[in-house]
């Protein structure tokens, strides 16, 4: 029920948090010129964001399955 929706919301919040507080500052550093450490860190944070969005996808699928299951069979005419 609502627990899965809260998990989905938490995952989106985590993605936004990593984006705004980690990835954006790394992009700012790279705007000033190439920095190997910033580049490496950005790649790592991008993988973290990818994992979080992937988890969010599975939560969304679970929510959809729950919704369709709760709706019951579609009546035939």
N, C-alpha and C. Protein backbone atom coordinates (compact mmCIF):
# COMPACT_ATOMS: atom_id res chain seq x y z
N UNK A 1 0.81 -1.18 0.00
CA UNK A 1 0.00 0.00 0.00
C UNK A 1 0.85 1.25 0.00
N UNK A 2 0.63 2.04 1.00
CA UNK A 2 1.30 3.34 1.04
C UNK A 2 2.78 3.22 1.37
N UNK A 3 3.20 2.12 2.01
CA UNK A 3 4.62 1.95 2.33
C UNK A 3 5.47 1.95 1.07
N UNK A 4 5.00 1.27 0.05
CA UNK A 4 5.76 1.21 -1.20
C UNK A 4 5.83 2.59 -1.87
N UNK A 5 4.78 3.36 -1.74
CA UNK A 5 4.79 4.72 -2.30
C UNK A 5 5.82 5.57 -1.56
N UNK A 6 5.92 5.41 -0.25
CA UNK A 6 6.92 6.16 0.53
C UNK A 6 8.34 5.74 0.15
N UNK A 7 8.53 4.45 -0.12
CA UNK A 7 9.84 3.98 -0.57
C UNK A 7 10.19 4.63 -1.90
N UNK A 8 9.21 4.67 -2.81
CA UNK A 8 9.44 5.32 -4.11
C UNK A 8 9.78 6.79 -3.95
N UNK A 9 9.06 7.46 -3.07
CA UNK A 9 9.34 8.88 -2.82
C UNK A 9 10.73 9.06 -2.22
N UNK A 10 11.11 8.18 -1.31
CA UNK A 10 12.44 8.26 -0.70
C UNK A 10 13.54 8.06 -1.75
N UNK A 11 13.30 7.15 -2.69
CA UNK A 11 14.29 6.92 -3.75
C UNK A 11 14.44 8.15 -4.64
N UNK A 12 13.33 8.77 -4.98
CA UNK A 12 13.40 10.00 -5.79
C UNK A 12 14.13 11.09 -5.00
N UNK A 13 13.83 11.20 -3.71
CA UNK A 13 14.52 12.18 -2.87
C UNK A 13 16.01 11.92 -2.82
N UNK A 14 16.40 10.64 -2.75
CA UNK A 14 17.82 10.29 -2.75
C UNK A 14 18.49 10.69 -4.06
N UNK A 15 17.81 10.42 -5.17
CA UNK A 15 18.36 10.80 -6.48
C UNK A 15 18.56 12.31 -6.54
N UNK A 16 17.54 13.05 -6.13
CA UNK A 16 17.64 14.51 -6.18
C UNK A 16 18.73 15.01 -5.23
N UNK A 17 18.82 14.39 -4.06
CA UNK A 17 19.86 14.79 -3.11
C UNK A 17 21.25 14.59 -3.67
N UNK A 18 21.50 13.41 -4.24
CA UNK A 18 22.81 13.14 -4.84
C UNK A 18 23.06 14.11 -6.00
N UNK A 19 22.03 14.34 -6.80
CA UNK A 19 22.18 15.24 -7.95
C UNK A 19 22.55 16.65 -7.51
N UNK A 20 21.74 17.22 -6.62
CA UNK A 20 21.93 18.62 -6.26
C UNK A 20 23.12 18.86 -5.35
N UNK A 21 23.39 17.93 -4.43
CA UNK A 21 24.43 18.17 -3.44
C UNK A 21 25.78 17.55 -3.77
N UNK A 22 25.81 16.63 -4.73
CA UNK A 22 27.07 16.00 -5.10
C UNK A 22 27.40 16.23 -6.58
N UNK A 23 26.49 15.82 -7.47
CA UNK A 23 26.79 15.90 -8.90
C UNK A 23 26.92 17.33 -9.41
N UNK A 24 26.01 18.19 -9.01
CA UNK A 24 26.07 19.58 -9.49
C UNK A 24 27.38 20.25 -9.06
N UNK A 25 27.79 20.15 -7.79
CA UNK A 25 29.09 20.76 -7.43
C UNK A 25 30.27 20.16 -8.21
N UNK A 26 30.20 18.86 -8.51
CA UNK A 26 31.27 18.26 -9.31
C UNK A 26 31.27 18.83 -10.73
N UNK A 27 30.10 19.04 -11.30
CA UNK A 27 30.02 19.66 -12.62
C UNK A 27 30.60 21.08 -12.58
N UNK A 28 30.33 21.80 -11.52
CA UNK A 28 30.87 23.16 -11.37
C UNK A 28 32.39 23.10 -11.35
N UNK A 29 32.95 22.14 -10.60
CA UNK A 29 34.42 21.99 -10.57
C UNK A 29 34.96 21.70 -11.97
N UNK A 30 34.26 20.84 -12.70
CA UNK A 30 34.73 20.48 -14.04
C UNK A 30 34.57 21.63 -15.03
N UNK A 31 33.61 22.52 -14.77
CA UNK A 31 33.46 23.71 -15.63
C UNK A 31 34.70 24.59 -15.57
N UNK A 32 35.40 24.56 -14.46
CA UNK A 32 36.61 25.38 -14.30
C UNK A 32 37.81 24.76 -15.00
N UNK A 33 37.69 23.53 -15.42
CA UNK A 33 38.78 22.83 -16.08
C UNK A 33 38.77 21.37 -15.66
N UNK A 34 39.42 20.55 -16.44
CA UNK A 34 39.40 19.13 -16.14
C UNK A 34 40.08 18.85 -14.82
N UNK A 35 39.43 18.04 -14.02
CA UNK A 35 39.94 17.62 -12.71
C UNK A 35 39.67 16.12 -12.63
N UNK A 36 40.74 15.32 -12.65
CA UNK A 36 40.59 13.86 -12.70
C UNK A 36 39.81 13.33 -11.50
N UNK A 37 40.04 13.88 -10.32
CA UNK A 37 39.32 13.41 -9.13
C UNK A 37 37.83 13.74 -9.23
N UNK A 38 37.51 14.94 -9.70
CA UNK A 38 36.10 15.33 -9.85
C UNK A 38 35.43 14.45 -10.91
N UNK A 39 36.16 14.18 -11.98
CA UNK A 39 35.63 13.34 -13.05
C UNK A 39 35.32 11.95 -12.53
N UNK A 40 36.28 11.35 -11.81
CA UNK A 40 36.07 10.02 -11.24
C UNK A 40 34.88 10.01 -10.28
N UNK A 41 34.82 11.03 -9.43
CA UNK A 41 33.71 11.12 -8.47
C UNK A 41 32.37 11.26 -9.18
N UNK A 42 32.35 12.02 -10.27
CA UNK A 42 31.11 12.20 -11.02
C UNK A 42 30.66 10.89 -11.65
N UNK A 43 31.60 10.11 -12.16
CA UNK A 43 31.25 8.81 -12.73
C UNK A 43 30.65 7.91 -11.64
N UNK A 44 31.25 7.91 -10.46
CA UNK A 44 30.73 7.10 -9.35
C UNK A 44 29.33 7.57 -8.96
N UNK A 45 29.13 8.88 -8.86
CA UNK A 45 27.80 9.37 -8.48
C UNK A 45 26.78 9.08 -9.58
N UNK A 46 27.22 9.09 -10.83
CA UNK A 46 26.28 8.75 -11.90
C UNK A 46 25.85 7.30 -11.80
N UNK A 47 26.77 6.40 -11.41
CA UNK A 47 26.39 5.00 -11.22
C UNK A 47 25.42 4.87 -10.04
N UNK A 48 25.67 5.64 -8.99
CA UNK A 48 24.75 5.63 -7.84
C UNK A 48 23.36 6.12 -8.26
N UNK A 49 23.32 7.19 -9.04
CA UNK A 49 22.03 7.71 -9.51
C UNK A 49 21.33 6.69 -10.41
N UNK A 50 22.10 6.01 -11.25
CA UNK A 50 21.53 4.97 -12.11
C UNK A 50 20.93 3.85 -11.28
N UNK A 51 21.64 3.43 -10.24
CA UNK A 51 21.13 2.37 -9.36
C UNK A 51 19.85 2.82 -8.65
N UNK A 52 19.83 4.07 -8.18
CA UNK A 52 18.64 4.59 -7.50
C UNK A 52 17.45 4.67 -8.45
N UNK A 53 17.67 5.16 -9.67
CA UNK A 53 16.57 5.24 -10.64
C UNK A 53 16.10 3.84 -11.01
N UNK A 54 17.02 2.88 -11.10
CA UNK A 54 16.63 1.50 -11.41
C UNK A 54 15.78 0.92 -10.29
N UNK A 55 16.17 1.18 -9.06
CA UNK A 55 15.36 0.73 -7.92
C UNK A 55 13.99 1.39 -7.97
N UNK A 56 13.96 2.66 -8.32
CA UNK A 56 12.68 3.38 -8.43
C UNK A 56 11.79 2.76 -9.51
N UNK A 57 12.40 2.31 -10.60
CA UNK A 57 11.64 1.63 -11.65
C UNK A 57 10.96 0.39 -11.09
N UNK A 58 11.70 -0.43 -10.33
CA UNK A 58 11.13 -1.65 -9.77
C UNK A 58 10.04 -1.34 -8.76
N UNK A 59 10.20 -0.27 -8.00
CA UNK A 59 9.15 0.15 -7.07
C UNK A 59 7.91 0.57 -7.86
N UNK A 60 8.10 1.29 -8.95
CA UNK A 60 6.97 1.71 -9.79
C UNK A 60 6.24 0.51 -10.38
N UNK A 61 7.01 -0.48 -10.82
CA UNK A 61 6.39 -1.70 -11.35
C UNK A 61 5.60 -2.41 -10.25
N UNK A 62 6.17 -2.49 -9.06
CA UNK A 62 5.46 -3.13 -7.94
C UNK A 62 4.18 -2.37 -7.62
N UNK A 63 4.23 -1.05 -7.68
CA UNK A 63 3.03 -0.24 -7.43
C UNK A 63 1.97 -0.51 -8.49
N UNK A 64 2.39 -0.61 -9.74
CA UNK A 64 1.46 -0.89 -10.82
C UNK A 64 0.82 -2.27 -10.66
N UNK A 65 1.65 -3.26 -10.34
CA UNK A 65 1.12 -4.61 -10.13
C UNK A 65 0.12 -4.61 -8.98
N UNK A 66 0.47 -3.92 -7.90
CA UNK A 66 -0.44 -3.83 -6.74
C UNK A 66 -1.76 -3.18 -7.13
N UNK A 67 -1.68 -2.11 -7.90
CA UNK A 67 -2.87 -1.42 -8.35
C UNK A 67 -3.75 -2.30 -9.23
N UNK A 68 -3.12 -2.97 -10.19
CA UNK A 68 -3.89 -3.82 -11.10
C UNK A 68 -4.46 -5.03 -10.38
N UNK A 69 -3.73 -5.56 -9.43
CA UNK A 69 -4.21 -6.71 -8.65
C UNK A 69 -5.40 -6.31 -7.78
N UNK A 70 -5.33 -5.14 -7.19
CA UNK A 70 -6.40 -4.66 -6.32
C UNK A 70 -7.66 -4.36 -7.13
N UNK A 71 -7.49 -3.98 -8.38
CA UNK A 71 -8.64 -3.63 -9.22
C UNK A 71 -9.45 -4.88 -9.59
N UNK A 72 -8.81 -6.02 -9.54
CA UNK A 72 -9.51 -7.25 -9.91
C UNK A 72 -9.59 -7.41 -11.41
N UNK A 73 -10.24 -8.48 -11.84
CA UNK A 73 -10.32 -8.74 -13.29
C UNK A 73 -11.19 -7.69 -14.00
N UNK A 74 -10.84 -7.46 -15.23
CA UNK A 74 -11.60 -6.52 -16.05
C UNK A 74 -12.84 -7.24 -16.56
N UNK A 75 -14.04 -6.67 -16.31
CA UNK A 75 -15.26 -7.35 -16.78
C UNK A 75 -15.31 -7.38 -18.31
N UNK A 76 -15.79 -8.48 -18.83
CA UNK A 76 -15.94 -8.62 -20.28
C UNK A 76 -17.39 -8.29 -20.65
N UNK A 77 -17.53 -7.68 -21.80
CA UNK A 77 -18.90 -7.34 -22.22
C UNK A 77 -19.42 -8.31 -23.24
